[in-house]
C-alpha atoms as a PDB file:
ATOM      1  CA  MET A   1       0.000   0.000   0.000  1.00  0.00           C
ATOM      2  CA  TYR A   2       1.287   3.446  -0.861  1.00  0.00           C
ATOM      3  CA  SER A   3       0.102   7.034  -0.688  1.00  0.00           C
ATOM      4  CA  ALA A   4       0.268   9.469  -3.581  1.00  0.00           C
ATOM      5  CA  PHE A   5       0.578  12.256  -1.002  1.00  0.00           C
ATOM      6  CA  THR A   6       3.227  11.112   1.477  1.00  0.00           C
ATOM      7  CA  ASP A   7       6.100   8.647   1.620  1.00  0.00           C
ATOM      8  CA  ASP A   8       5.631   8.295   5.389  1.00  0.00           C
ATOM      9  CA  LEU A   9       2.630   6.149   6.316  1.00  0.00           C
ATOM     10  CA  SER A  10       3.763   5.922   9.930  1.00  0.00           C
ATOM     11  CA  HIS A  11       3.115   9.583  10.806  1.00  0.00           C
ATOM     12  CA  CYS A  12      -0.114  11.564  10.621  1.00  0.00           C
ATOM     13  CA  TYR A  13      -0.384  13.630   7.456  1.00  0.00           C
ATOM     14  CA  LEU A  14      -1.892  16.504   9.474  1.00  0.00           C
ATOM     15  CA  THR A  15      -0.284  16.381  12.918  1.00  0.00           C
ATOM     16  CA  GLY A  16       2.931  14.382  12.530  1.00  0.00           C
ATOM     17  CA  SER A  17       1.902  11.995  15.307  1.00  0.00           C
ATOM     18  CA  ASN A  18       3.279   8.468  15.080  1.00  0.00           C
ATOM     19  CA  VAL A  19      -0.112   7.032  16.128  1.00  0.00           C
ATOM     20  CA  VAL A  20      -2.088   6.566  12.916  1.00  0.00           C
ATOM     21  CA  HIS A  21      -5.062   4.994  11.210  1.00  0.00           C
ATOM     22  CA  ILE A  22      -4.962   4.584   7.433  1.00  0.00           C
ATOM     23  CA  HIS A  23      -7.717   6.656   5.846  1.00  0.00           C
ATOM     24  CA  HIS A  24      -9.054   5.708   2.413  1.00  0.00           C
ATOM     25  CA  ILE A  25     -10.045   8.987   0.762  1.00  0.00           C
ATOM     26  CA  PHE A  26     -12.745   7.163  -1.161  1.00  0.00           C
ATOM     27  CA  GLY A  27     -14.204   4.467   1.046  1.00  0.00           C
ATOM     28  CA  ALA A  28     -16.910   1.825   0.817  1.00  0.00           C
ATOM     29  CA  SER A  29     -17.134   0.438  -2.721  1.00  0.00           C
ATOM     30  CA  ASN A  30     -14.209   2.652  -3.804  1.00  0.00           C
ATOM     31  CA  ARG A  31     -11.829   1.470  -1.076  1.00  0.00           C
ATOM     32  CA  LYS A  32      -9.814  -0.776  -3.437  1.00  0.00           C
ATOM     33  CA  ARG A  33      -9.627   2.033  -6.006  1.00  0.00           C
ATOM     34  CA  SER A  34      -8.258   4.336  -3.298  1.00  0.00           C
ATOM     35  CA  GLU A  35      -5.509   1.790  -2.678  1.00  0.00           C
ATOM     36  CA  LYS A  36      -4.865   1.300  -6.411  1.00  0.00           C
ATOM     37  CA  TYR A  37      -4.225   5.018  -6.982  1.00  0.00           C
ATOM     38  CA  GLY A  38      -2.561   5.753  -3.642  1.00  0.00           C
ATOM     39  CA  PHE A  39      -5.493   7.765  -2.330  1.00  0.00           C
ATOM     40  CA  ILE A  40      -4.803   6.910   1.279  1.00  0.00           C
ATOM     41  CA  LEU A  41      -3.496   9.032   4.126  1.00  0.00           C
ATOM     42  CA  PRO A  42      -2.125   8.217   7.563  1.00  0.00           C
ATOM     43  CA  LEU A  43      -4.210  10.148  10.093  1.00  0.00           C
ATOM     44  CA  HIS A  44      -4.099  10.334  13.865  1.00  0.00           C
ATOM     45  CA  PRO A  45      -7.214   8.572  15.218  1.00  0.00           C
ATOM     46  CA  ARG A  46      -8.575  11.952  16.369  1.00  0.00           C
ATOM     47  CA  MET A  47      -8.232  13.290  12.817  1.00  0.00           C
ATOM     48  CA  HIS A  48      -9.648  10.104  11.315  1.00  0.00           C
ATOM     49  CA  ASN A  49     -12.772   8.960  13.134  1.00  0.00           C
ATOM     50  CA  MET A  50     -12.339   9.423  16.887  1.00  0.00           C
ATOM     51  CA  SER A  51     -13.602  13.011  17.252  1.00  0.00           C
ATOM     52  CA  ASN A  52     -15.799  15.591  15.552  1.00  0.00           C
ATOM     53  CA  GLU A  53     -12.742  17.153  13.914  1.00  0.00           C
ATOM     54  CA  GLY A  54     -11.910  13.858  12.203  1.00  0.00           C
ATOM     55  CA  VAL A  55     -12.366  13.492   8.469  1.00  0.00           C
ATOM     56  CA  HIS A  56     -15.347  11.149   8.844  1.00  0.00           C
ATOM     57  CA  PHE A  57     -17.280  13.883  10.679  1.00  0.00           C
ATOM     58  CA  ASN A  58     -15.717  16.983   9.121  1.00  0.00           C
ATOM     59  CA  LYS A  59     -17.262  17.576   5.673  1.00  0.00           C
ATOM     60  CA  PRO A  60     -14.867  20.394   4.649  1.00  0.00           C
ATOM     61  CA  LEU A  61     -11.817  18.238   5.471  1.00  0.00           C
ATOM     62  CA  ASP A  62     -13.327  15.245   3.655  1.00  0.00           C
ATOM     63  CA  LEU A  63     -14.027  17.387   0.581  1.00  0.00           C
ATOM     64  CA  LYS A  64     -10.501  18.850   0.714  1.00  0.00           C
ATOM     65  CA  PHE A  65      -8.980  15.353   0.522  1.00  0.00           C
ATOM     66  CA  LYS A  66     -11.379  14.225  -2.210  1.00  0.00           C
ATOM     67  CA  ARG A  67     -10.550  17.285  -4.311  1.00  0.00           C
ATOM     68  CA  MET A  68      -6.841  16.752  -3.700  1.00  0.00           C
ATOM     69  CA  ALA A  69      -7.174  13.159  -4.910  1.00  0.00           C
ATOM     70  CA  GLN A  70      -9.204  14.122  -7.959  1.00  0.00           C
ATOM     71  CA  GLU A  71      -6.699  16.800  -8.961  1.00  0.00           C
ATOM     72  CA  TYR A  72      -3.920  14.242  -8.608  1.00  0.00           C
ATOM     73  CA  TYR A  73      -5.862  11.705 -10.689  1.00  0.00           C
ATOM     74  CA  GLU A  74      -6.522  14.242 -13.443  1.00  0.00           C
ATOM     75  CA  SER A  75      -2.867  15.281 -13.592  1.00  0.00           C
ATOM     76  CA  HIS A  76      -1.437  11.725 -13.473  1.00  0.00           C
ATOM     77  CA  PHE A  77      -3.961   9.169 -14.699  1.00  0.00           C
ATOM     78  CA  GLY A  78      -6.816  10.450 -16.817  1.00  0.00           C
ATOM     79  CA  THR A  79      -9.522  12.964 -17.568  1.00  0.00           C
ATOM     80  CA  ARG A  80     -12.361  14.190 -15.402  1.00  0.00           C
ATOM     81  CA  GLU A  81     -14.649  11.841 -17.289  1.00  0.00           C
ATOM     82  CA  ASP A  82     -12.298   8.957 -16.470  1.00  0.00           C
ATOM     83  CA  PHE A  83     -12.352   9.970 -12.803  1.00  0.00           C
ATOM     84  CA  ILE A  84     -16.149  10.012 -12.762  1.00  0.00           C
ATOM     85  CA  LYS A  85     -16.202   6.526 -14.312  1.00  0.00           C
ATOM     86  CA  GLU A  86     -13.822   5.287 -11.595  1.00  0.00           C
ATOM     87  CA  PHE A  87     -15.240   7.090  -8.534  1.00  0.00           C
ATOM     88  CA  GLY A  88     -18.838   7.915  -9.480  1.00  0.00           C
ATOM     89  CA  LYS A  89     -18.775  11.719  -9.435  1.00  0.00           C
ATOM     90  CA  SER A  90     -16.639  14.830  -9.618  1.00  0.00           C
ATOM     91  CA  TYR A  91     -15.629  16.732  -6.487  1.00  0.00           C
ATOM     92  CA  LEU A  92     -14.271  19.728  -8.404  1.00  0.00           C
END
């Protein structure tokens, strides 16, 4: 497993903490696609799903990561139309 956004999966992308959960930017049915394209981030449990500020409860943070992933996809893998075929919708 790799991340398109960091080479260090053992430290939180946001806080630098060495206590992390792996967050799939696109979850559920798109979880494997997130892994395929490196759309994963190491996040401290508080920033993942253990508090209201975590990405699973923080819509602006969730959208920020989804947009970041879509921009990366469009600059490295394919078109917006390709992204929509892969992930179901555009976040941009």
